Amino acid sequence: MSHDACRPAPMPLHSVSVAGVVVREDGRVLAIRRADNGTWEPPGGVLELTETIEDGLRREIHEETGLKVGVDRLTGVYKNMTRGIVALVFRCHPEDGAEQLSSESTAIAWLTPDEVTDRMAEVYAVRVLDALRPGLTRIRSHDGRHLTASERLA
């Protein structure tokens, strides 16, 4: 038997991303239109190895929108089963700054929940809608475009 046959298979790799559902006092939610693919999403991105979860969340939101935010609570954990990405989504509130575009965003808007449903793909809209609901942190899986059948919104 070769020496390589005794080695365990490499562990699958996952990445962890964060996103912020930033809610204004009037109930509108911050969204960006991504520069790379044109989709509307809550601001966020992949955590860097050396930063805490909340620091990474604040950094990503500030880089993409120019806003500084306060982090309120974890509202959902979402796994893209196709790509191995785990997204942690937090409800946030604006604290300081003014909206400004970045190399990662071509538009910034404050959307109503109905506008979120109209503009965002299902896997992003559900993150926002979950953050607007009181109560438990939601845990959901999707294929990158759609929630798995057991995760569909009622």
C-alpha atoms as a PDB file:
ATOM      1  CA  MET A   1       0.000   0.000   0.000  1.00  0.00           C
ATOM      2  CA  SER A   2       1.373   3.410  -0.896  1.00  0.00           C
ATOM      3  CA  HIS A   3       2.029   6.005   1.759  1.00  0.00           C
ATOM      4  CA  ASP A   4      -0.534   8.344   0.103  1.00  0.00           C
ATOM      5  CA  ALA A   5      -3.307   5.771   0.478  1.00  0.00           C
ATOM      6  CA  CYS A   6      -3.019   6.051   4.271  1.00  0.00           C
ATOM      7  CA  ARG A   7      -3.622   9.810   4.300  1.00  0.00           C
ATOM      8  CA  PRO A   8      -7.127  11.022   4.933  1.00  0.00           C
ATOM      9  CA  ALA A   9      -8.849  12.931   2.156  1.00  0.00           C
ATOM     10  CA  PRO A  10      -8.401  16.692   2.444  1.00  0.00           C
ATOM     11  CA  MET A  11     -11.120  18.476   4.368  1.00  0.00           C
ATOM     12  CA  PRO A  12     -13.562  20.384   2.201  1.00  0.00           C
ATOM     13  CA  LEU A  13     -13.047  24.134   2.349  1.00  0.00           C
ATOM     14  CA  HIS A  14     -15.713  26.567   3.480  1.00  0.00           C
ATOM     15  CA  SER A  15     -15.600  30.321   3.489  1.00  0.00           C
ATOM     16  CA  VAL A  16     -17.439  32.559   5.929  1.00  0.00           C
ATOM     17  CA  SER A  17     -19.103  35.731   4.784  1.00  0.00           C
ATOM     18  CA  VAL A  18     -21.009  38.385   6.695  1.00  0.00           C
ATOM     19  CA  ALA A  19     -23.842  40.671   5.628  1.00  0.00           C
ATOM     20  CA  GLY A  20     -25.649  43.511   7.347  1.00  0.00           C
ATOM     21  CA  VAL A  21     -29.336  44.238   7.106  1.00  0.00           C
ATOM     22  CA  VAL A  22     -29.092  47.925   8.005  1.00  0.00           C
ATOM     23  CA  VAL A  23     -32.530  49.203   9.054  1.00  0.00           C
ATOM     24  CA  ARG A  24     -33.379  52.902   9.285  1.00  0.00           C
ATOM     25  CA  GLU A  25     -35.886  54.312  11.768  1.00  0.00           C
ATOM     26  CA  ASP A  26     -38.516  54.434   8.989  1.00  0.00           C
ATOM     27  CA  GLY A  27     -38.115  50.672   8.402  1.00  0.00           C
ATOM     28  CA  ARG A  28     -36.296  50.953   5.076  1.00  0.00           C
ATOM     29  CA  VAL A  29     -33.337  48.631   4.486  1.00  0.00           C
ATOM     30  CA  LEU A  30     -29.968  49.460   2.927  1.00  0.00           C
ATOM     31  CA  ALA A  31     -29.169  47.610  -0.306  1.00  0.00           C
ATOM     32  CA  ILE A  32     -26.409  47.797  -2.884  1.00  0.00           C
ATOM     33  CA  ARG A  33     -26.365  46.841  -6.548  1.00  0.00           C
ATOM     34  CA  ARG A  34     -23.144  44.863  -6.927  1.00  0.00           C
ATOM     35  CA  ALA A  35     -20.673  46.033  -9.550  1.00  0.00           C
ATOM     36  CA  ASP A  36     -19.570  42.503 -10.520  1.00  0.00           C
ATOM     37  CA  ASN A  37     -22.958  40.965 -11.319  1.00  0.00           C
ATOM     38  CA  GLY A  38     -25.607  43.716 -11.073  1.00  0.00           C
ATOM     39  CA  THR A  39     -27.632  41.994  -8.347  1.00  0.00           C
ATOM     40  CA  TRP A  40     -29.213  43.817  -5.396  1.00  0.00           C
ATOM     41  CA  GLU A  41     -28.039  42.529  -2.021  1.00  0.00           C
ATOM     42  CA  PRO A  42     -27.497  43.630   1.557  1.00  0.00           C
ATOM     43  CA  PRO A  43     -23.891  44.855   1.916  1.00  0.00           C
ATOM     44  CA  GLY A  44     -21.293  42.352   3.077  1.00  0.00           C
ATOM     45  CA  GLY A  45     -18.444  40.083   2.076  1.00  0.00           C
ATOM     46  CA  VAL A  46     -15.898  37.477   3.109  1.00  0.00           C
ATOM     47  CA  LEU A  47     -14.254  37.736   6.522  1.00  0.00           C
ATOM     48  CA  GLU A  48     -10.512  38.195   6.654  1.00  0.00           C
ATOM     49  CA  LEU A  49      -8.595  35.678   8.792  1.00  0.00           C
ATOM     50  CA  THR A  50      -7.345  38.272  11.281  1.00  0.00           C
ATOM     51  CA  GLU A  51     -10.599  40.118  12.025  1.00  0.00           C
ATOM     52  CA  THR A  52     -13.484  39.438  14.376  1.00  0.00           C
ATOM     53  CA  ILE A  53     -16.919  38.778  12.930  1.00  0.00           C
ATOM     54  CA  GLU A  54     -18.347  42.146  13.968  1.00  0.00           C
ATOM     55  CA  ASP A  55     -15.252  44.060  12.829  1.00  0.00           C
ATOM     56  CA  GLY A  56     -15.431  42.344   9.437  1.00  0.00           C
ATOM     57  CA  LEU A  57     -19.125  43.158   9.162  1.00  0.00           C
ATOM     58  CA  ARG A  58     -18.556  46.832   9.952  1.00  0.00           C
ATOM     59  CA  ARG A  59     -15.603  46.992   7.533  1.00  0.00           C
ATOM     60  CA  GLU A  60     -17.539  45.435   4.658  1.00  0.00           C
ATOM     61  CA  ILE A  61     -20.560  47.724   5.114  1.00  0.00           C
ATOM     62  CA  HIS A  62     -18.355  50.814   5.359  1.00  0.00           C
ATOM     63  CA  GLU A  63     -16.276  49.838   2.297  1.00  0.00           C
ATOM     64  CA  GLU A  64     -19.360  49.220   0.152  1.00  0.00           C
ATOM     65  CA  THR A  65     -21.616  52.058   1.320  1.00  0.00           C
ATOM     66  CA  GLY A  66     -19.640  54.691   3.256  1.00  0.00           C
ATOM     67  CA  LEU A  67     -21.817  54.129   6.337  1.00  0.00           C
ATOM     68  CA  LYS A  68     -20.718  53.210   9.835  1.00  0.00           C
ATOM     69  CA  VAL A  69     -23.158  50.924  11.602  1.00  0.00           C
ATOM     70  CA  GLY A  70     -23.962  49.486  14.986  1.00  0.00           C
ATOM     71  CA  VAL A  71     -24.516  45.730  15.124  1.00  0.00           C
ATOM     72  CA  ASP A  72     -27.759  44.694  16.843  1.00  0.00           C
ATOM     73  CA  ARG A  73     -28.070  40.905  16.569  1.00  0.00           C
ATOM     74  CA  LEU A  74     -27.425  37.774  14.511  1.00  0.00           C
ATOM     75  CA  THR A  75     -30.584  37.090  12.489  1.00  0.00           C
ATOM     76  CA  GLY A  76     -29.601  34.204  10.260  1.00  0.00           C
ATOM     77  CA  VAL A  77     -27.061  31.627   9.136  1.00  0.00           C
ATOM     78  CA  TYR A  78     -27.251  30.626   5.470  1.00  0.00           C
ATOM     79  CA  LYS A  79     -25.266  27.947   3.657  1.00  0.00           C
ATOM     80  CA  ASN A  80     -24.730  27.857  -0.071  1.00  0.00           C
ATOM     81  CA  MET A  81     -24.604  24.094  -0.521  1.00  0.00           C
ATOM     82  CA  THR A  82     -23.086  24.393  -4.009  1.00  0.00           C
ATOM     83  CA  ARG A  83     -20.161  26.674  -3.163  1.00  0.00           C
ATOM     84  CA  GLY A  84     -19.573  25.897   0.540  1.00  0.00           C
ATOM     85  CA  ILE A  85     -20.127  29.478   1.689  1.00  0.00           C
ATOM     86  CA  VAL A  86     -21.605  30.076   5.118  1.00  0.00           C
ATOM     87  CA  ALA A  87     -23.117  33.564   5.500  1.00  0.00           C
ATOM     88  CA  LEU A  88     -23.754  35.135   8.896  1.00  0.00           C
ATOM     89  CA  VAL A  89     -26.372  37.882   8.646  1.00  0.00           C
ATOM     90  CA  PHE A  90     -26.840  40.583  11.271  1.00  0.00           C
ATOM     91  CA  ARG A  91     -29.452  43.253  11.808  1.00  0.00           C
ATOM     92  CA  CYS A  92     -27.704  46.637  12.090  1.00  0.00           C
ATOM     93  CA  HIS A  93     -28.570  50.316  12.426  1.00  0.00           C
ATOM     94  CA  PRO A  94     -26.884  53.315  10.795  1.00  0.00           C
ATOM     95  CA  GLU A  95     -24.656  55.385  13.097  1.00  0.00           C
ATOM     96  CA  ASP A  96     -22.615  57.773  10.970  1.00  0.00           C
ATOM     97  CA  GLY A  97     -21.483  58.637   7.464  1.00  0.00           C
ATOM     98  CA  ALA A  98     -23.153  59.277   4.146  1.00  0.00           C
ATOM     99  CA  GLU A  99     -23.956  56.839   1.371  1.00  0.00           C
ATOM    100  CA  GLN A 100     -21.252  56.650  -1.267  1.00  0.00           C
ATOM    101  CA  LEU A 101     -20.574  54.227  -4.092  1.00  0.00           C
ATOM    102  CA  SER A 102     -17.463  52.081  -4.151  1.00  0.00           C
ATOM    103  CA  SER A 103     -15.694  49.860  -6.642  1.00  0.00           C
ATOM    104  CA  GLU A 104     -17.992  47.079  -5.386  1.00  0.00           C
ATOM    105  CA  SER A 105     -21.334  48.937  -5.731  1.00  0.00           C
ATOM    106  CA  THR A 106     -22.980  50.746  -8.653  1.00  0.00           C
ATOM    107  CA  ALA A 107     -26.048  51.901  -6.713  1.00  0.00           C
ATOM    108  CA  ILE A 108     -27.199  52.251  -3.116  1.00  0.00           C
ATOM    109  CA  ALA A 109     -30.846  52.404  -2.088  1.00  0.00           C
ATOM    110  CA  TRP A 110     -33.026  52.313   1.013  1.00  0.00           C
ATOM    111  CA  LEU A 111     -35.729  49.773   0.140  1.00  0.00           C
ATOM    112  CA  THR A 112     -39.100  48.888   1.632  1.00  0.00           C
ATOM    113  CA  PRO A 113     -39.697  45.185   2.352  1.00  0.00           C
ATOM    114  CA  ASP A 114     -41.852  44.973  -0.810  1.00  0.00           C
ATOM    115  CA  GLU A 115     -39.043  46.503  -2.885  1.00  0.00           C
ATOM    116  CA  VAL A 116     -36.603  43.989  -1.373  1.00  0.00           C
ATOM    117  CA  THR A 117     -38.824  41.146  -2.595  1.00  0.00           C
ATOM    118  CA  ASP A 118     -39.096  42.706  -6.068  1.00  0.00           C
ATOM    119  CA  ARG A 119     -35.404  43.562  -6.577  1.00  0.00           C
ATOM    120  CA  MET A 120     -33.447  40.848  -4.789  1.00  0.00           C
ATOM    121  CA  ALA A 121     -33.011  37.205  -5.696  1.00  0.00           C
ATOM    122  CA  GLU A 122     -34.749  34.827  -3.303  1.00  0.00           C
ATOM    123  CA  VAL A 123     -31.567  33.864  -1.407  1.00  0.00           C
ATOM    124  CA  TYR A 124     -30.858  37.529  -0.578  1.00  0.00           C
ATOM    125  CA  ALA A 125     -34.429  38.697  -0.023  1.00  0.00           C
ATOM    126  CA  VAL A 126     -34.974  35.969   2.581  1.00  0.00           C
ATOM    127  CA  ARG A 127     -31.968  37.234   4.559  1.00  0.00           C
ATOM    128  CA  VAL A 128     -33.466  40.712   4.730  1.00  0.00           C
ATOM    129  CA  LEU A 129     -36.983  39.487   5.532  1.00  0.00           C
ATOM    130  CA  ASP A 130     -35.646  37.156   8.245  1.00  0.00           C
ATOM    131  CA  ALA A 131     -33.790  40.109   9.816  1.00  0.00           C
ATOM    132  CA  LEU A 132     -37.007  42.143   9.879  1.00  0.00           C
ATOM    133  CA  ARG A 133     -38.890  39.407  11.752  1.00  0.00           C
ATOM    134  CA  PRO A 134     -38.652  39.331  15.518  1.00  0.00           C
ATOM    135  CA  GLY A 135     -37.525  36.227  17.287  1.00  0.00           C
ATOM    136  CA  LEU A 136     -35.229  33.352  16.551  1.00  0.00           C
ATOM    137  CA  THR A 137     -32.142  33.306  14.398  1.00  0.00           C
ATOM    138  CA  ARG A 138     -33.031  31.484  11.177  1.00  0.00           C
ATOM    139  CA  ILE A 139     -30.842  28.714   9.719  1.00  0.00           C
ATOM    140  CA  ARG A 140     -31.354  28.009   6.025  1.00  0.00           C
ATOM    141  CA  SER A 141     -29.700  26.270   3.071  1.00  0.00           C
ATOM    142  CA  HIS A 142     -29.774  27.143  -0.617  1.00  0.00           C
ATOM    143  CA  ASP A 143     -28.174  26.253  -3.943  1.00  0.00           C
ATOM    144  CA  GLY A 144     -26.930  29.751  -4.728  1.00  0.00           C
ATOM    145  CA  ARG A 145     -30.165  30.845  -6.377  1.00  0.00           C
ATOM    146  CA  HIS A 146     -33.048  29.280  -4.477  1.00  0.00           C
ATOM    147  CA  LEU A 147     -33.762  28.059  -0.973  1.00  0.00           C
ATOM    148  CA  THR A 148     -33.985  24.317  -0.546  1.00  0.00           C
ATOM    149  CA  ALA A 149     -37.585  23.099  -0.560  1.00  0.00           C
ATOM    150  CA  SER A 150     -37.681  22.712   3.223  1.00  0.00           C
ATOM    151  CA  GLU A 151     -36.492  26.325   3.672  1.00  0.00           C
ATOM    152  CA  ARG A 152     -39.112  28.141   1.584  1.00  0.00           C
ATOM    153  CA  LEU A 153     -40.841  31.081   3.219  1.00  0.00           C
ATOM    154  CA  ALA A 154     -44.386  30.497   4.377  1.00  0.00           C
END
